[in-house]
Amino acid sequence: MAVPKKKTSKARKRQRKSAWMHQGQAAAAKALSLAKSILTGRSKGFVYPQEEEDSESEG
Protein backbone atom coordinates (compact mmCIF):
# COMPACT_ATOMS: atom_id res chain seq x y z
CA MET A 1 0.00 0.00 0.00
CA ALA A 2 1.29 3.49 -0.86
CA VAL A 3 2.36 5.71 2.01
CA PRO A 4 2.96 9.48 1.77
CA LYS A 5 6.62 10.43 2.13
CA LYS A 6 6.06 13.79 3.80
CA LYS A 7 3.39 15.37 5.94
CA THR A 8 0.97 17.63 4.07
CA SER A 9 1.11 21.20 5.33
CA LYS A 10 -1.90 22.86 6.96
CA ALA A 11 -2.02 25.44 4.18
CA ARG A 12 -2.22 22.78 1.45
CA LYS A 13 -4.83 20.81 3.39
CA ARG A 14 -6.98 23.92 3.88
CA GLN A 15 -6.58 24.89 0.22
CA ARG A 16 -7.88 21.50 -0.92
CA LYS A 17 -10.78 21.62 1.54
CA SER A 18 -11.73 25.14 0.45
CA ALA A 19 -11.73 24.15 -3.23
CA TRP A 20 -13.88 21.11 -2.43
CA MET A 21 -16.38 23.21 -0.44
CA HIS A 22 -16.67 25.83 -3.22
CA GLN A 23 -17.54 23.18 -5.82
CA GLY A 24 -20.93 22.76 -4.14
CA GLN A 25 -21.60 26.49 -4.13
CA ALA A 26 -20.75 26.74 -7.83
CA ALA A 27 -23.02 23.80 -8.70
CA ALA A 28 -25.89 25.31 -6.69
CA ALA A 29 -25.51 28.68 -8.42
CA LYS A 30 -25.49 27.00 -11.84
CA ALA A 31 -28.61 24.97 -11.02
CA LEU A 32 -30.45 28.07 -9.80
CA SER A 33 -29.50 29.97 -12.94
CA LEU A 34 -30.73 27.12 -15.14
CA ALA A 35 -34.01 26.92 -13.23
CA LYS A 36 -34.58 30.66 -13.63
CA SER A 37 -33.91 30.51 -17.37
CA ILE A 38 -36.34 27.60 -17.78
CA LEU A 39 -39.07 29.45 -15.89
CA THR A 40 -38.64 32.57 -18.01
CA GLY A 41 -38.64 30.54 -21.23
CA ARG A 42 -35.28 31.89 -22.40
CA SER A 43 -33.45 28.57 -22.10
CA LYS A 44 -31.56 27.60 -25.26
CA GLY A 45 -29.12 24.89 -24.18
CA PHE A 46 -31.38 22.69 -22.09
CA VAL A 47 -34.02 20.32 -23.47
CA TYR A 48 -36.77 18.99 -21.25
CA PRO A 49 -40.13 17.33 -21.95
CA GLN A 50 -43.15 19.60 -21.87
CA GLU A 51 -46.61 18.38 -21.00
CA GLU A 52 -48.99 18.54 -23.91
CA GLU A 53 -52.52 19.66 -23.03
CA ASP A 54 -54.04 18.47 -26.34
CA SER A 55 -53.04 14.82 -25.90
CA GLU A 56 -55.57 14.23 -23.09
CA SER A 57 -58.55 15.75 -24.93
CA GLU A 58 -57.93 13.82 -28.19
CA GLY A 59 -58.26 10.30 -26.69
C-alpha atoms as a PDB file:
ATOM      1  CA  MET A   1       0.000   0.000   0.000  1.00  0.00           C
ATOM      2  CA  ALA A   2       1.286   3.492  -0.862  1.00  0.00           C
ATOM      3  CA  VAL A   3       2.361   5.705   2.006  1.00  0.00           C
ATOM      4  CA  PRO A   4       2.958   9.483   1.769  1.00  0.00           C
ATOM      5  CA  LYS A   5       6.615  10.431   2.134  1.00  0.00           C
ATOM      6  CA  LYS A   6       6.057  13.786   3.802  1.00  0.00           C
ATOM      7  CA  LYS A   7       3.388  15.370   5.944  1.00  0.00           C
ATOM      8  CA  THR A   8       0.966  17.633   4.069  1.00  0.00           C
ATOM      9  CA  SER A   9       1.107  21.203   5.329  1.00  0.00           C
ATOM     10  CA  LYS A  10      -1.905  22.855   6.956  1.00  0.00           C
ATOM     11  CA  ALA A  11      -2.023  25.435   4.176  1.00  0.00           C
ATOM     12  CA  ARG A  12      -2.215  22.776   1.450  1.00  0.00           C
ATOM     13  CA  LYS A  13      -4.828  20.813   3.393  1.00  0.00           C
ATOM     14  CA  ARG A  14      -6.979  23.918   3.876  1.00  0.00           C
ATOM     15  CA  GLN A  15      -6.580  24.892   0.218  1.00  0.00           C
ATOM     16  CA  ARG A  16      -7.878  21.498  -0.920  1.00  0.00           C
ATOM     17  CA  LYS A  17     -10.778  21.623   1.536  1.00  0.00           C
ATOM     18  CA  SER A  18     -11.734  25.139   0.447  1.00  0.00           C
ATOM     19  CA  ALA A  19     -11.734  24.145  -3.225  1.00  0.00           C
ATOM     20  CA  TRP A  20     -13.884  21.106  -2.435  1.00  0.00           C
ATOM     21  CA  MET A  21     -16.379  23.211  -0.444  1.00  0.00           C
ATOM     22  CA  HIS A  22     -16.669  25.825  -3.221  1.00  0.00           C
ATOM     23  CA  GLN A  23     -17.537  23.178  -5.819  1.00  0.00           C
ATOM     24  CA  GLY A  24     -20.926  22.764  -4.136  1.00  0.00           C
ATOM     25  CA  GLN A  25     -21.601  26.488  -4.133  1.00  0.00           C
ATOM     26  CA  ALA A  26     -20.752  26.741  -7.834  1.00  0.00           C
ATOM     27  CA  ALA A  27     -23.023  23.804  -8.696  1.00  0.00           C
ATOM     28  CA  ALA A  28     -25.893  25.312  -6.690  1.00  0.00           C
ATOM     29  CA  ALA A  29     -25.506  28.680  -8.424  1.00  0.00           C
ATOM     30  CA  LYS A  30     -25.485  27.003 -11.842  1.00  0.00           C
ATOM     31  CA  ALA A  31     -28.608  24.969 -11.015  1.00  0.00           C
ATOM     32  CA  LEU A  32     -30.447  28.070  -9.804  1.00  0.00           C
ATOM     33  CA  SER A  33     -29.495  29.973 -12.941  1.00  0.00           C
ATOM     34  CA  LEU A  34     -30.725  27.121 -15.136  1.00  0.00           C
ATOM     35  CA  ALA A  35     -34.014  26.924 -13.227  1.00  0.00           C
ATOM     36  CA  LYS A  36     -34.577  30.656 -13.630  1.00  0.00           C
ATOM     37  CA  SER A  37     -33.909  30.511 -17.367  1.00  0.00           C
ATOM     38  CA  ILE A  38     -36.340  27.605 -17.778  1.00  0.00           C
ATOM     39  CA  LEU A  39     -39.066  29.454 -15.886  1.00  0.00           C
ATOM     40  CA  THR A  40     -38.637  32.569 -18.007  1.00  0.00           C
ATOM     41  CA  GLY A  41     -38.637  30.538 -21.229  1.00  0.00           C
ATOM     42  CA  ARG A  42     -35.279  31.888 -22.400  1.00  0.00           C
ATOM     43  CA  SER A  43     -33.450  28.569 -22.099  1.00  0.00           C
ATOM     44  CA  LYS A  44     -31.561  27.605 -25.264  1.00  0.00           C
ATOM     45  CA  GLY A  45     -29.124  24.892 -24.176  1.00  0.00           C
ATOM     46  CA  PHE A  46     -31.383  22.694 -22.093  1.00  0.00           C
ATOM     47  CA  VAL A  47     -34.016  20.317 -23.469  1.00  0.00           C
ATOM     48  CA  TYR A  48     -36.771  18.991 -21.247  1.00  0.00           C
ATOM     49  CA  PRO A  49     -40.133  17.331 -21.951  1.00  0.00           C
ATOM     50  CA  GLN A  50     -43.146  19.599 -21.870  1.00  0.00           C
ATOM     51  CA  GLU A  51     -46.611  18.379 -20.998  1.00  0.00           C
ATOM     52  CA  GLU A  52     -48.994  18.539 -23.910  1.00  0.00           C
ATOM     53  CA  GLU A  53     -52.524  19.662 -23.030  1.00  0.00           C
ATOM     54  CA  ASP A  54     -54.037  18.473 -26.337  1.00  0.00           C
ATOM     55  CA  SER A  55     -53.041  14.817 -25.902  1.00  0.00           C
ATOM     56  CA  GLU A  56     -55.574  14.232 -23.094  1.00  0.00           C
ATOM     57  CA  SER A  57     -58.551  15.749 -24.932  1.00  0.00           C
ATOM     58  CA  GLU A  58     -57.930  13.816 -28.189  1.00  0.00           C
ATOM     59  CA  GLY A  59     -58.258  10.301 -26.692  1.00  0.00           C
END
